Structure formats: C-alpha cells, structure tokens
C-alpha cells in the first residue's frame, strides 16, 4: 500500500508546474503566510479574471458544415454552447495550452 501511495505521489508531483511545486514546498515547510485582507485580495483577483475573460469583440467566421456539426456535437457532449467551445479552444491556442497530438 505504501509503495502505491509513493507512486501516486510521484505522478501528482510530475504534473505540477513550478509555481504549484513552490506552494507545496512552502506548505510542507510551514512557511506559508495568511493574506492580511482576504476580501480585498479576492476582489482584486475577481477584477483580473473579469478583465481576462471579457468578451468585447465579435467576429464572423466561415467554416465547413461538417466542422460546425462536429463542434456542435462536441459542445453538446461537454454541456456548453458551441460558441463557448470555439472561444475556449481559441483561447487555449493563443495561450499556448493547446497541444497538437502526433
């Protein structure tokens, strides 16, 4: 059982980015500090998020009927509108988080 837990821990650690590892190490070391004004900090990050995800431009896009049907099918399976799925895919692409599978 102990070996299984170690293997699971290694898998989790491999998936963490540098910032997540730093946070976990600080937690383990007991050096994390509380935020003095939690509500103020939360509001600041809410504003960052709202500005990041604000959709203030419209575009017109031509795609094949086949691709549109596939997008609608995938969006239905994901439980979201197809326009939201398209916007999400484009956002991930421009952020470099969309990886091509060979």
C-alpha atoms as a PDB file:
ATOM      1  CA  UNK A   1       0.000   0.000   0.000  1.00  0.00           C
ATOM      2  CA  UNK A   2       2.830   2.378   0.913  1.00  0.00           C
ATOM      3  CA  UNK A   3       4.510   1.817  -2.465  1.00  0.00           C
ATOM      4  CA  UNK A   4       1.224   2.583  -4.252  1.00  0.00           C
ATOM      5  CA  UNK A   5       0.945   5.863  -2.338  1.00  0.00           C
ATOM      6  CA  UNK A   6       4.516   6.797  -3.243  1.00  0.00           C
ATOM      7  CA  UNK A   7       3.866   6.075  -6.910  1.00  0.00           C
ATOM      8  CA  UNK A   8       0.661   8.124  -6.841  1.00  0.00           C
ATOM      9  CA  UNK A   9       2.539  10.993  -5.139  1.00  0.00           C
ATOM     10  CA  UNK A  10       5.272  10.897  -7.820  1.00  0.00           C
ATOM     11  CA  UNK A  11       2.651  11.013 -10.583  1.00  0.00           C
ATOM     12  CA  UNK A  12       0.994  14.019  -8.937  1.00  0.00           C
ATOM     13  CA  UNK A  13       4.319  15.805  -8.427  1.00  0.00           C
ATOM     14  CA  UNK A  14       5.254  15.277 -12.097  1.00  0.00           C
ATOM     15  CA  UNK A  15       2.078  17.088 -13.168  1.00  0.00           C
ATOM     16  CA  UNK A  16       2.679  20.184 -11.018  1.00  0.00           C
ATOM     17  CA  UNK A  17       4.123  23.312 -12.576  1.00  0.00           C
ATOM     18  CA  UNK A  18       6.914  25.287 -10.869  1.00  0.00           C
ATOM     19  CA  UNK A  19       4.515  27.622  -9.049  1.00  0.00           C
ATOM     20  CA  UNK A  20       2.460  24.699  -7.706  1.00  0.00           C
ATOM     21  CA  UNK A  21       5.625  22.927  -6.521  1.00  0.00           C
ATOM     22  CA  UNK A  22       6.774  26.113  -4.787  1.00  0.00           C
ATOM     23  CA  UNK A  23       3.433  26.419  -2.973  1.00  0.00           C
ATOM     24  CA  UNK A  24       3.503  22.758  -1.920  1.00  0.00           C
ATOM     25  CA  UNK A  25       7.090  23.050  -0.669  1.00  0.00           C
ATOM     26  CA  UNK A  26       6.185  26.183   1.324  1.00  0.00           C
ATOM     27  CA  UNK A  27       3.203  24.335   2.813  1.00  0.00           C
ATOM     28  CA  UNK A  28       5.366  21.339   3.748  1.00  0.00           C
ATOM     29  CA  UNK A  29       7.977  23.655   5.288  1.00  0.00           C
ATOM     30  CA  UNK A  30       5.308  25.570   7.226  1.00  0.00           C
ATOM     31  CA  UNK A  31       6.314  28.891   5.666  1.00  0.00           C
ATOM     32  CA  UNK A  32       3.020  29.847   4.034  1.00  0.00           C
ATOM     33  CA  UNK A  33       1.606  33.109   5.323  1.00  0.00           C
ATOM     34  CA  UNK A  34      -2.004  34.235   5.506  1.00  0.00           C
ATOM     35  CA  UNK A  35      -3.195  37.179   3.439  1.00  0.00           C
ATOM     36  CA  UNK A  36      -3.915  40.143   5.697  1.00  0.00           C
ATOM     37  CA  UNK A  37      -7.056  41.349   3.878  1.00  0.00           C
ATOM     38  CA  UNK A  38      -8.519  38.286   2.207  1.00  0.00           C
ATOM     39  CA  UNK A  39     -11.605  40.047   0.806  1.00  0.00           C
ATOM     40  CA  UNK A  40      -9.534  42.823  -0.771  1.00  0.00           C
ATOM     41  CA  UNK A  41      -7.213  40.251  -2.379  1.00  0.00           C
ATOM     42  CA  UNK A  42     -10.161  38.181  -3.652  1.00  0.00           C
ATOM     43  CA  UNK A  43     -11.780  41.268  -5.173  1.00  0.00           C
ATOM     44  CA  UNK A  44      -8.529  42.199  -6.902  1.00  0.00           C
ATOM     45  CA  UNK A  45      -8.319  38.736  -8.471  1.00  0.00           C
ATOM     46  CA  UNK A  46     -12.003  38.807  -9.436  1.00  0.00           C
ATOM     47  CA  UNK A  47     -11.299  42.015 -11.348  1.00  0.00           C
ATOM     48  CA  UNK A  48      -8.277  40.410 -13.030  1.00  0.00           C
ATOM     49  CA  UNK A  49     -10.405  37.434 -14.060  1.00  0.00           C
ATOM     50  CA  UNK A  50     -13.225  39.625 -15.358  1.00  0.00           C
ATOM     51  CA  UNK A  51     -10.787  41.655 -17.453  1.00  0.00           C
ATOM     52  CA  UNK A  52      -9.099  38.499 -18.759  1.00  0.00           C
ATOM     53  CA  UNK A  53     -12.295  36.814 -19.867  1.00  0.00           C
ATOM     54  CA  UNK A  54     -14.194  39.871 -21.035  1.00  0.00           C
ATOM     55  CA  UNK A  55     -15.531  39.188 -24.494  1.00  0.00           C
ATOM     56  CA  UNK A  56     -15.787  42.587 -26.101  1.00  0.00           C
ATOM     57  CA  UNK A  57     -15.269  41.782 -29.802  1.00  0.00           C
ATOM     58  CA  UNK A  58     -17.438  39.978 -32.311  1.00  0.00           C
ATOM     59  CA  UNK A  59     -16.053  38.118 -35.285  1.00  0.00           C
ATOM     60  CA  UNK A  60     -17.570  36.434 -38.286  1.00  0.00           C
ATOM     61  CA  UNK A  61     -16.135  33.069 -39.215  1.00  0.00           C
ATOM     62  CA  UNK A  62     -16.733  30.739 -42.136  1.00  0.00           C
ATOM     63  CA  UNK A  63     -16.225  27.029 -41.528  1.00  0.00           C
ATOM     64  CA  UNK A  64     -17.420  23.893 -43.218  1.00  0.00           C
ATOM     65  CA  UNK A  65     -20.836  22.455 -42.360  1.00  0.00           C
ATOM     66  CA  UNK A  66     -19.101  19.258 -41.323  1.00  0.00           C
ATOM     67  CA  UNK A  67     -16.803  21.062 -38.858  1.00  0.00           C
ATOM     68  CA  UNK A  68     -19.724  23.062 -37.440  1.00  0.00           C
ATOM     69  CA  UNK A  69     -21.747  19.883 -36.929  1.00  0.00           C
ATOM     70  CA  UNK A  70     -18.770  18.251 -35.188  1.00  0.00           C
ATOM     71  CA  UNK A  71     -18.291  21.326 -32.968  1.00  0.00           C
ATOM     72  CA  UNK A  72     -21.964  21.339 -32.017  1.00  0.00           C
ATOM     73  CA  UNK A  73     -21.831  17.620 -31.218  1.00  0.00           C
ATOM     74  CA  UNK A  74     -18.708  18.054 -29.072  1.00  0.00           C
ATOM     75  CA  UNK A  75     -20.192  21.092 -27.310  1.00  0.00           C
ATOM     76  CA  UNK A  76     -23.371  19.159 -26.547  1.00  0.00           C
ATOM     77  CA  UNK A  77     -21.283  16.350 -25.045  1.00  0.00           C
ATOM     78  CA  UNK A  78     -19.403  18.927 -22.934  1.00  0.00           C
ATOM     79  CA  UNK A  79     -22.657  20.594 -21.884  1.00  0.00           C
ATOM     80  CA  UNK A  80     -21.893  24.037 -23.264  1.00  0.00           C
ATOM     81  CA  UNK A  81     -22.936  26.233 -26.197  1.00  0.00           C
ATOM     82  CA  UNK A  82     -20.832  25.631 -29.303  1.00  0.00           C
ATOM     83  CA  UNK A  83     -19.758  29.297 -29.439  1.00  0.00           C
ATOM     84  CA  UNK A  84     -18.333  28.940 -25.929  1.00  0.00           C
ATOM     85  CA  UNK A  85     -16.448  25.821 -27.006  1.00  0.00           C
ATOM     86  CA  UNK A  86     -14.988  27.647 -30.021  1.00  0.00           C
ATOM     87  CA  UNK A  87     -13.951  30.603 -27.844  1.00  0.00           C
ATOM     88  CA  UNK A  88     -12.371  28.231 -25.318  1.00  0.00           C
ATOM     89  CA  UNK A  89     -10.373  26.387 -27.975  1.00  0.00           C
ATOM     90  CA  UNK A  90      -9.158  29.667 -29.482  1.00  0.00           C
ATOM     91  CA  UNK A  91      -8.215  30.999 -26.036  1.00  0.00           C
ATOM     92  CA  UNK A  92      -6.225  27.859 -25.226  1.00  0.00           C
ATOM     93  CA  UNK A  93      -4.496  28.077 -28.607  1.00  0.00           C
ATOM     94  CA  UNK A  94      -3.344  31.679 -28.187  1.00  0.00           C
ATOM     95  CA  UNK A  95      -2.202  30.914 -24.616  1.00  0.00           C
ATOM     96  CA  UNK A  96      -0.108  28.015 -25.923  1.00  0.00           C
ATOM     97  CA  UNK A  97      -2.082  25.449 -23.914  1.00  0.00           C
ATOM     98  CA  UNK A  98      -3.474  23.622 -26.934  1.00  0.00           C
ATOM     99  CA  UNK A  99      -1.086  20.859 -27.918  1.00  0.00           C
ATOM    100  CA  UNK A 100      -1.078  19.072 -31.256  1.00  0.00           C
ATOM    101  CA  UNK A 101      -1.149  15.314 -30.891  1.00  0.00           C
ATOM    102  CA  UNK A 102       1.005  13.461 -33.372  1.00  0.00           C
END
